[in-house]
Protein backbone atom coordinates (compact mmCIF):
# COMPACT_ATOMS: atom_id res chain seq x y z
CA MET A 1 -30.88 8.95 16.76
CA ILE A 2 -33.70 7.65 14.16
CA VAL A 3 -34.52 9.70 10.74
CA ALA A 4 -37.56 9.55 9.36
CA PRO A 5 -37.93 8.80 5.35
CA GLY A 6 -37.57 12.43 3.52
CA THR A 7 -34.89 14.35 0.81
CA TYR A 8 -32.65 16.44 3.03
CA THR A 9 -31.15 19.81 1.91
CA GLY A 10 -29.43 22.75 3.05
CA SER A 11 -26.74 23.90 4.79
CA GLY A 12 -28.21 22.06 8.35
CA ASN A 13 -28.13 18.60 6.53
CA ARG A 14 -24.51 18.58 5.05
CA ASN A 15 -20.98 18.75 6.08
CA LEU A 16 -22.00 17.14 9.15
CA VAL A 17 -19.34 16.38 11.65
CA PHE A 18 -19.93 13.37 14.21
CA PRO A 19 -19.61 15.18 17.93
CA GLN A 20 -16.45 14.06 20.58
CA THR A 21 -16.18 14.40 23.79
CA GLY A 22 -12.52 14.53 25.25
CA GLY A 23 -11.30 13.98 21.79
CA VAL A 24 -12.97 10.92 21.56
CA ALA A 25 -15.95 10.22 19.18
CA ARG A 26 -19.03 9.79 20.73
CA ALA A 27 -20.79 6.29 20.31
CA ILE A 28 -23.54 7.65 18.40
CA THR A 29 -25.65 6.15 15.72
CA VAL A 30 -27.37 8.18 12.79
CA LYS A 31 -30.25 5.86 11.14
CA CYS A 32 -32.67 5.79 8.62
CA VAL A 33 -35.90 4.31 10.06
CA SER A 34 -36.17 2.51 6.81
CA SER A 35 -33.72 2.34 3.73
CA ALA A 36 -31.30 4.68 1.95
CA GLU A 37 -33.55 4.97 -0.91
CA ASP A 38 -36.15 6.55 1.43
CA CYS A 39 -33.64 9.10 3.31
CA ILE A 40 -31.85 10.76 1.19
CA ILE A 41 -28.95 13.87 1.83
CA ASP A 42 -28.56 16.01 -1.10
CA VAL A 43 -25.90 18.13 0.06
CA GLN A 44 -26.34 20.54 -4.03
CA GLY A 45 -22.46 20.32 -4.82
CA SER A 46 -21.93 22.71 -7.60
CA ASN A 47 -22.34 20.74 -11.04
CA PRO A 48 -19.28 21.24 -12.73
CA CYS A 49 -17.28 20.58 -9.98
CA ASN A 50 -14.26 22.74 -10.61
CA SER A 51 -12.03 25.19 -9.69
CA SER A 52 -14.96 27.81 -9.64
CA ALA A 53 -17.39 25.64 -8.02
CA THR A 54 -19.02 27.67 -4.81
CA GLN A 55 -20.70 25.27 -3.65
CA GLN A 56 -18.32 22.93 -1.96
CA HIS A 57 -20.35 20.29 0.21
CA ARG A 58 -20.21 16.69 1.53
CA GLY A 59 -22.25 14.61 3.53
CA PHE A 60 -20.40 13.59 6.76
CA VAL A 61 -16.98 14.24 7.98
CA PHE A 62 -15.00 12.45 10.99
CA ASN A 63 -11.95 13.37 12.24
CA ASN A 64 -9.48 12.30 14.80
CA ASP A 65 -10.81 8.97 16.70
CA ALA A 66 -9.74 5.58 15.63
CA ALA A 67 -10.53 4.40 19.29
CA SER A 68 -13.42 2.06 17.89
CA ASN A 69 -15.99 1.70 15.47
CA ALA A 70 -18.51 3.42 17.62
CA SER A 71 -19.79 6.54 14.79
CA VAL A 72 -22.28 4.42 12.65
CA VAL A 73 -24.22 6.39 9.77
CA ASP A 74 -26.70 3.43 8.56
CA GLY A 75 -29.30 3.55 5.83
CA PHE A 76 -28.69 6.93 4.03
CA THR A 77 -28.03 8.28 0.41
CA ILE A 78 -25.42 10.84 -0.01
CA LYS A 79 -25.19 12.22 -3.17
CA ASN A 80 -24.17 15.21 -5.37
CA GLY A 81 -21.11 16.00 -3.20
CA CYS A 82 -18.55 18.25 -4.11
CA VAL A 83 -15.03 18.91 -2.85
CA TRP A 84 -12.41 21.01 -4.53
CA SER A 85 -10.54 23.03 -2.76
CA GLY A 86 -10.08 25.31 0.37
CA ALA A 87 -11.89 24.07 3.48
CA THR A 88 -13.08 21.48 2.20
CA GLY A 89 -10.25 19.66 0.83
CA SER A 90 -9.81 17.62 -1.98
CA TYR A 91 -10.49 14.27 -0.87
CA GLY A 92 -14.32 12.35 -0.21
CA GLY A 93 -16.96 14.52 -2.03
CA GLY A 94 -19.64 12.20 -0.18
CA ILE A 95 -17.79 11.29 3.19
CA PHE A 96 -14.51 12.25 4.60
CA ILE A 97 -12.72 10.12 7.03
CA ASN A 98 -9.80 11.44 8.90
CA HIS A 99 -8.05 9.34 11.58
CA SER A 100 -10.63 7.94 12.21
CA ALA A 101 -12.63 4.46 12.13
CA PRO A 102 -16.71 5.08 12.03
CA THR A 103 -19.11 2.07 10.37
CA ILE A 104 -20.96 3.13 7.06
CA ARG A 105 -23.54 0.82 6.82
CA ARG A 106 -26.29 0.47 3.82
CA CYS A 107 -25.90 3.43 2.85
CA ILE A 108 -25.37 4.36 -0.92
CA LEU A 109 -23.18 7.15 -2.06
CA GLU A 110 -24.06 8.38 -5.90
CA ASN A 111 -23.15 11.33 -8.02
CA ASN A 112 -20.20 12.67 -5.89
CA LYS A 113 -17.14 14.18 -6.88
CA ALA A 114 -13.63 14.88 -5.49
CA ARG A 115 -10.51 16.78 -7.44
CA TYR A 116 -8.11 14.13 -6.12
CA GLY A 117 -9.31 11.32 -4.55
CA GLY A 118 -12.52 9.55 -3.13
CA GLY A 119 -15.50 10.92 -4.83
CA GLY A 120 -17.47 8.84 -3.02
CA ILE A 121 -15.28 8.20 0.26
CA ALA A 122 -12.11 9.37 1.27
CA LEU A 123 -9.93 7.64 4.00
CA GLU A 124 -6.80 9.39 5.45
CA GLY A 125 -4.66 9.81 8.13
CA SER A 126 -4.84 6.43 10.13
CA ASP A 127 -1.85 5.32 12.15
CA PRO A 128 -0.82 1.48 11.26
CA ALA A 129 -0.80 0.62 15.17
CA LEU A 130 -4.20 1.21 15.87
CA ALA A 131 -6.53 -1.52 16.68
CA TYR A 132 -9.50 -0.39 14.90
CA PHE A 133 -10.13 0.58 11.27
CA PRO A 134 -12.99 1.80 9.41
CA LEU A 135 -15.97 -0.89 7.96
CA ILE A 136 -17.63 -0.02 4.91
CA GLU A 137 -20.65 -2.61 5.05
CA SER A 138 -23.89 -3.54 2.59
CA CYS A 139 -23.49 -0.64 0.97
CA THR A 140 -23.68 0.53 -2.85
CA ILE A 141 -21.35 3.42 -4.19
CA ARG A 142 -21.86 4.60 -7.58
CA ASN A 143 -21.29 6.78 -10.29
CA ASN A 144 -18.76 8.66 -8.49
CA ALA A 145 -15.96 10.65 -9.56
CA THR A 146 -12.11 11.88 -9.10
CA LEU A 147 -11.45 14.60 -11.73
CA GLN A 148 -7.65 15.49 -11.59
CA ASN A 149 -4.72 12.88 -12.36
CA VAL A 150 -3.33 12.96 -8.39
CA SER A 151 -4.25 10.12 -6.40
CA GLY A 152 -7.20 7.81 -7.65
CA GLY A 153 -10.54 6.16 -6.31
CA GLY A 154 -13.71 7.34 -8.13
CA GLY A 155 -15.23 5.01 -5.48
CA ILE A 156 -13.13 4.61 -2.12
CA TYR A 157 -9.93 6.16 -1.41
CA THR A 158 -7.39 4.79 1.21
CA GLY A 159 -4.59 6.86 2.06
CA THR A 160 -1.10 5.73 3.25
CA HIS A 161 -1.06 3.35 5.87
CA MET A 162 -5.00 3.73 5.84
CA ASP A 163 -6.76 0.30 6.33
CA ALA A 164 -10.00 -0.65 5.96
CA LEU A 165 -12.49 -3.35 5.43
CA VAL A 166 -15.02 -3.59 2.72
CA LYS A 167 -17.40 -5.98 3.21
CA ASN A 168 -21.06 -7.06 0.71
CA THR A 169 -20.43 -3.78 -0.96
CA VAL A 170 -21.02 -3.17 -4.58
CA ILE A 171 -19.05 -0.17 -6.41
CA SER A 172 -20.17 0.58 -9.74
CA GLY A 173 -19.68 3.42 -12.30
CA ASN A 174 -17.44 5.40 -10.99
CA SER A 175 -14.21 6.44 -12.90
CA SER A 176 -10.99 8.32 -12.02
CA ALA A 177 -8.31 10.35 -13.83
CA ARG A 178 -5.63 8.38 -12.44
CA GLN A 179 -5.85 4.77 -10.57
CA GLY A 180 -8.32 3.27 -9.32
CA GLY A 181 -11.51 3.49 -11.07
CA GLY A 182 -13.37 1.82 -8.14
CA ILE A 183 -11.06 1.64 -5.33
CA PHE A 184 -7.65 2.88 -4.75
CA TRP A 185 -5.72 1.28 -1.88
CA GLY A 186 -3.16 3.76 -1.62
CA LEU A 187 0.86 3.63 0.17
CA GLY A 188 1.48 0.90 3.09
CA SER A 189 -2.69 0.43 3.37
CA ASP A 190 -3.84 -3.10 3.94
CA THR A 191 -6.25 -4.20 1.31
CA ARG A 192 -9.38 -6.02 3.13
CA MET A 193 -12.56 -7.20 0.88
CA ILE A 194 -15.37 -9.57 1.37
CA SER A 195 -17.94 -10.19 -1.03
CA CYS A 196 -17.91 -7.32 -2.98
CA VAL A 197 -18.89 -6.86 -6.41
CA VAL A 198 -16.63 -4.73 -8.19
CA GLU A 199 -18.29 -3.50 -12.19
CA ASN A 200 -18.41 -1.00 -14.75
CA ASN A 201 -15.31 1.17 -13.28
CA THR A 202 -12.93 2.96 -15.26
CA ALA A 203 -9.40 4.47 -14.47
CA ALA A 204 -7.00 6.29 -17.32
CA GLU A 205 -3.85 4.82 -16.00
CA GLY A 206 -4.36 1.53 -14.19
CA GLY A 207 -6.52 -0.63 -11.83
CA GLY A 208 -9.48 0.00 -13.52
CA GLY A 209 -11.84 -2.13 -10.93
CA VAL A 210 -9.07 -2.07 -8.09
CA TYR A 211 -5.75 -0.86 -7.88
CA VAL A 212 -3.11 -1.52 -4.74
CA GLU A 213 -0.25 1.40 -5.02
CA ASN A 214 2.13 -0.69 -2.33
CA VAL A 215 1.57 -4.02 -0.63
CA LYS A 216 2.83 -3.90 2.85
CA HIS A 217 2.13 -7.11 4.75
CA GLN A 218 2.66 -10.89 4.07
CA PRO A 219 -0.58 -12.33 5.38
CA ASN A 220 -0.98 -15.65 7.12
CA ILE A 221 -2.76 -18.03 5.16
CA ASN A 222 -3.36 -19.96 7.82
CA ASP A 223 -5.51 -17.60 9.41
CA ILE A 224 -6.76 -15.73 6.07
CA LEU A 225 -10.22 -16.53 6.41
CA LEU A 226 -10.76 -15.47 9.92
CA ASP A 227 -13.06 -12.20 9.36
CA PRO A 228 -11.54 -9.81 9.13
CA GLY A 229 -8.14 -11.72 8.99
CA PRO A 230 -4.49 -10.61 8.64
CA ALA A 231 -4.77 -8.27 5.31
CA PRO A 232 -4.08 -7.73 2.70
CA TYR A 233 -6.63 -9.68 0.53
CA ILE A 234 -9.63 -10.11 -1.55
CA LEU A 235 -12.35 -12.77 -0.82
CA ARG A 236 -15.37 -14.31 -2.48
CA SER A 237 -15.60 -10.78 -4.79
CA ARG A 238 -16.56 -10.33 -8.66
CA ILE A 239 -14.15 -7.93 -10.24
CA GLY A 240 -15.97 -7.58 -13.49
CA PRO A 241 -17.72 -6.86 -15.82
CA ASP A 242 -16.29 -3.78 -17.50
CA ASN A 243 -13.89 -2.66 -15.65
CA SER A 244 -11.33 -0.75 -17.58
CA THR A 245 -8.46 1.21 -17.83
CA THR A 246 -7.42 3.73 -20.94
CA ASN A 247 -3.39 3.94 -20.83
CA SER A 248 -2.36 1.15 -18.21
CA ARG A 249 -2.47 -1.98 -16.91
CA GLY A 250 -4.48 -4.24 -14.62
CA GLY A 251 -8.15 -3.68 -16.37
CA GLY A 252 -9.69 -5.38 -13.22
CA LEU A 253 -6.93 -5.10 -10.27
CA TRP A 254 -3.35 -4.09 -10.52
CA ILE A 255 -1.53 -5.20 -7.63
CA ASN A 256 1.94 -3.72 -6.81
CA GLY A 257 4.79 -4.96 -4.48
CA GLU A 258 6.99 -2.75 -3.12
CA TRP A 259 6.97 -0.87 -0.03
CA PRO A 260 9.73 1.23 0.94
CA SER A 261 10.48 -0.15 4.29
CA ASN A 262 10.23 -3.81 3.99
CA THR A 263 13.07 -5.93 4.46
CA THR A 264 10.99 -9.33 3.18
CA PRO A 265 8.96 -10.56 0.73
CA VAL A 266 5.16 -9.11 0.75
CA GLY A 267 1.89 -11.05 -0.23
CA PHE A 268 -1.52 -10.51 -1.41
CA TYR A 269 -4.48 -13.38 -1.35
CA ILE A 270 -7.02 -13.83 -3.50
CA GLU A 271 -9.69 -16.55 -3.02
CA ASP A 272 -13.19 -17.69 -4.17
CA CYS A 273 -12.93 -14.96 -6.64
CA THR A 274 -14.53 -14.25 -10.49
CA ILE A 275 -12.65 -11.53 -12.24
CA ILE A 276 -14.76 -11.29 -15.59
CA ASP A 277 -14.85 -9.62 -18.91
CA ASN A 278 -12.17 -6.55 -17.44
CA HIS A 279 -10.20 -4.93 -20.12
CA ALA A 280 -6.80 -3.06 -20.85
CA ASP A 281 -6.65 -3.26 -24.21
CA ALA A 282 -3.89 -0.90 -24.94
CA SER A 283 -1.79 -2.35 -21.95
CA LEU A 284 -1.21 -5.57 -20.19
CA GLY A 285 -3.34 -7.75 -17.71
CA GLY A 286 -7.23 -7.60 -18.64
CA GLY A 287 -8.34 -9.13 -15.58
CA LEU A 288 -5.10 -8.77 -13.59
CA SER A 289 -1.76 -6.80 -13.23
CA LEU A 290 1.04 -8.26 -10.81
CA TRP A 291 3.68 -6.02 -10.71
CA GLY A 292 6.79 -6.60 -8.11
CA SER A 293 9.35 -4.42 -6.35
CA ALA A 294 12.15 -2.80 -8.31
CA ASP A 295 14.70 -3.58 -5.82
CA THR A 296 15.54 -7.11 -4.29
CA LEU A 297 11.77 -8.00 -2.50
CA GLU A 298 9.42 -10.19 -3.87
CA LEU A 299 5.62 -9.90 -4.24
CA THR A 300 4.34 -13.28 -3.72
CA PRO A 301 0.53 -13.29 -4.52
CA ARG A 302 -2.04 -16.78 -3.94
CA ILE A 303 -4.45 -17.09 -6.27
CA VAL A 304 -7.14 -19.96 -5.19
CA ASN A 305 -10.04 -20.99 -6.60
CA THR A 306 -10.81 -18.21 -8.93
CA VAL A 307 -12.06 -17.79 -12.09
CA PHE A 308 -10.61 -15.37 -15.18
CA ALA A 309 -12.90 -15.25 -18.37
CA GLY A 310 -13.43 -12.99 -20.95
CA ASN A 311 -10.96 -10.69 -20.02
CA THR A 312 -8.69 -8.59 -23.00
CA ALA A 313 -5.45 -7.28 -23.28
CA SER A 314 -2.40 -6.37 -25.40
CA SER A 315 -0.67 -8.75 -23.38
CA GLY A 316 -1.98 -11.25 -20.88
CA GLY A 317 -5.40 -11.45 -21.35
CA ALA A 318 -6.07 -12.61 -17.77
CA VAL A 319 -2.87 -12.37 -16.14
CA HIS A 320 -0.04 -10.14 -16.51
CA ILE A 321 2.99 -10.82 -14.32
CA LEU A 322 6.06 -8.17 -14.31
CA ASP A 323 9.32 -8.09 -12.16
CA ARG A 324 10.36 -10.31 -9.25
CA VAL A 325 6.85 -11.64 -8.51
CA ILE A 326 6.69 -15.39 -6.92
CA ALA A 327 2.82 -16.12 -7.85
CA THR A 328 0.93 -18.81 -6.55
CA PHE A 329 -2.57 -20.23 -8.69
CA ALA A 330 -4.27 -23.03 -7.63
CA ASN A 331 -7.53 -24.30 -8.59
CA VAL A 332 -8.16 -21.56 -11.26
CA THR A 333 -10.09 -21.52 -14.35
CA VAL A 334 -9.00 -19.22 -17.01
CA MET A 335 -11.38 -18.95 -20.20
CA HIS A 336 -11.95 -17.25 -23.23
CA ASN A 337 -9.70 -14.40 -22.61
CA THR A 338 -7.77 -12.69 -25.50
CA VAL A 339 -4.70 -10.56 -26.41
CA SER A 340 -4.84 -8.08 -29.29
CA GLY A 341 -2.11 -7.98 -32.08
CA GLY A 342 -0.69 -11.40 -32.06
CA ASN A 343 1.26 -10.88 -28.60
CA GLY A 344 0.49 -14.52 -27.22
CA GLY A 345 0.16 -15.25 -23.29
CA SER A 346 -3.90 -14.54 -23.57
CA ALA A 347 -4.17 -16.79 -20.72
CA ILE A 348 -0.77 -16.20 -18.35
CA TYR A 349 1.81 -13.56 -20.01
CA PHE A 350 5.16 -13.95 -16.92
CA GLN A 351 7.82 -12.13 -16.84
CA GLY A 352 8.18 -12.46 -13.42
CA GLN A 353 11.93 -12.41 -12.90
CA ARG A 354 11.27 -15.23 -9.94
CA ALA A 355 9.81 -18.85 -10.10
CA SER A 356 5.81 -19.08 -9.96
CA THR A 357 3.42 -22.30 -9.98
CA VAL A 358 0.53 -22.81 -11.62
CA SER A 359 -1.59 -26.14 -10.17
CA ASN A 360 -4.55 -27.75 -10.52
CA SER A 361 -6.07 -25.76 -13.17
CA VAL A 362 -7.69 -25.31 -16.45
CA LEU A 363 -6.68 -22.90 -19.03
CA TRP A 364 -8.98 -23.55 -22.11
CA TYR A 365 -10.44 -21.40 -24.91
CA ASP A 366 -8.28 -18.64 -24.32
CA ALA A 367 -5.71 -18.57 -27.58
CA VAL A 368 -7.62 -16.78 -30.90
CA GLY A 369 -5.27 -18.56 -33.32
CA PRO A 370 -2.10 -20.73 -33.70
CA ALA A 371 -0.03 -18.23 -34.00
CA GLU A 372 -0.93 -17.42 -30.02
CA SER A 373 -0.40 -19.38 -26.97
CA GLN A 374 -2.46 -19.61 -23.56
CA VAL A 375 0.53 -18.88 -21.99
CA ARG A 376 4.11 -16.83 -22.68
CA VAL A 377 7.01 -16.42 -20.69
CA GLY A 378 9.78 -13.79 -20.83
CA THR A 379 13.21 -13.99 -22.32
CA SER A 380 14.84 -13.71 -18.91
CA SER A 381 16.66 -16.83 -17.74
CA ASN A 382 14.96 -15.92 -14.27
CA ASP A 383 11.62 -16.07 -16.05
CA LEU A 384 10.88 -19.79 -14.25
CA LEU A 385 6.87 -20.41 -14.49
CA THR A 386 5.94 -24.46 -13.77
CA VAL A 387 2.31 -25.63 -14.65
CA LYS A 388 1.27 -28.78 -13.07
CA TRP A 389 -1.96 -30.84 -12.71
CA SER A 390 -3.29 -28.86 -14.95
CA ASP A 391 -5.31 -28.93 -18.19
CA VAL A 392 -3.98 -26.80 -20.99
CA GLN A 393 -5.27 -26.66 -24.10
CA GLY A 394 -2.47 -26.78 -27.00
CA GLY A 395 -0.10 -27.67 -24.33
CA LEU A 396 2.77 -25.40 -22.72
CA PRO A 397 5.29 -23.59 -24.82
CA SER A 398 8.80 -23.99 -24.56
CA GLY A 399 10.06 -22.06 -21.53
CA VAL A 400 7.66 -23.52 -19.52
CA THR A 401 7.97 -26.58 -17.28
CA GLY A 402 5.14 -29.01 -17.18
CA SER A 403 4.80 -31.58 -14.50
CA ASN A 404 1.76 -34.32 -14.66
CA ASN A 405 -0.21 -32.38 -16.66
CA VAL A 406 -3.29 -33.70 -19.07
CA ASP A 407 -1.35 -35.15 -21.71
CA PRO A 408 -2.77 -34.99 -24.43
CA PRO A 409 -4.89 -32.10 -22.95
CA SER A 410 -8.51 -32.84 -22.74
CA ASP A 411 -11.95 -30.26 -23.36
CA PRO A 412 -12.76 -29.79 -19.89
CA SER A 413 -16.57 -29.97 -21.40
CA PHE A 414 -17.96 -27.12 -19.14
CA VAL A 415 -21.39 -27.03 -18.24
CA ASP A 416 -23.88 -23.88 -17.34
CA VAL A 417 -25.50 -24.87 -14.36
CA ASP A 418 -28.07 -22.65 -14.60
CA GLY A 419 -28.74 -23.49 -18.14
CA ALA A 420 -27.68 -22.69 -21.67
CA ASP A 421 -27.95 -19.07 -21.51
CA ASN A 422 -24.99 -18.27 -23.11
CA THR A 423 -23.18 -15.98 -20.22
CA ARG A 424 -20.20 -17.21 -18.18
CA THR A 425 -21.45 -15.70 -14.61
C-alpha cells in the first residue's frame, strides 16, 4: 500500500490496526511514496495528556501475530499521541505492539506520550520461544515521554520477555518519569542494538539513555557479530551526549543482572561504542552502571573497543560496578570523566565483589586533583580488580592488582583525527 505525501488526521487515520486472516497478520507493507517528513500521521491526542484526556489516540496497533516480520510500516511521521487509560491502555503513545513482530522502518515518532511505558513505541506480550521479534530500523524517535513512575522508556519500552532488534536508529530528547529515558528493556528482554545513537534523554530514576531491567541470557561471544546474533548486546552505537538521570545511577546506561529463573551467570556485550558526556551527578556511574545479582549469580559483561569520555557522577565518573559482577574491559579508552565531592574512581569505581579485569586500555585525564584517583575499589576482600597491559595516569591505587602496565605511565598524546575542533566526538 503506497501512501501519497500529506498530513493525515481524524478518526480514519489513527488507532490503525493491521488486519489478520485466521489470526495471522497479512503480509502488508504500508509505505510512504517519499519520506517520513512528507507523510505525517497527526493523531491529535490530548495535550496535556493526563487523567482528564478526552482524545486518547495512537498511530498503529499490532495484535497477536509474531509468526513473521511481514507487517511493515515504512516512512511515516507519527506524532502527538496520548494514551492514559481505558480502551487505549497506558503503553505506547505512538505505536503499540502486542505479541507481534512487525517491522517499523524509516519512521519518525515524535511528541507522543504514554502514562506508563513507551512514549514512542511500546512492545508487550512476546513468547520467548518465538523465532521472530519486532524490528525497528532506520527510525528517529524523539521528544516522547512517559508520565508516571510505573515503568519507563520515554522513547521505547519492551515488556517482560519482549525481545526486539533496534538498528540504525536515533533516540533523542525523550524522557521517563521512572527509568530508561531513551529505552527501557524490560524484565528478561534480550537487548539488541546495532548502530544507534542515544542522546539527550532523561530519566528520573536511572538509565538516562538506556535501562536494562534484568539480563536473561549469556551471549556467545564467538557468534556475537552475527546480525542479529545472540543477545544481549549493544554494538557500534553512540550513547550520549547529554543523557542524564536525576535521582539514580547510570547516566548513559544502567544494566542489571538478576533474572529470577537463571541458574547460571548472565552476560552482556558492548563493542565498538562511544559513551560520551552522560551524567548521574547525584549518584553512580555517569557513563555506565553495572549492578549484578543480589543472590549467588553473577553478571559477566564484556566491554570491548569502547570509549568513555566526559561522563560525570558522584562516584564512578565513567563506570560504576556493584554486587557480583565479573566484568571484562578490553581495548577501552577512558578519558576526561569526573566525579564530585572527592569520591575518587573518576574512571572506574569497583565494588563488584568478584574478580574483574581491565586490559590493553588507556585511563587518562580523568582525575581532577591529587586527592582523587582514576580507579577506586571497595573495601570488601572480594572486590578484586586487575589492570594489565594498560596505561593509567598516576598509576594504580592500593587494592588494585597490576600486571605489565606502562611504568611509569606515559601520556598517550591523543590526536583529534579531524582537526583541532576541541570536541571529543
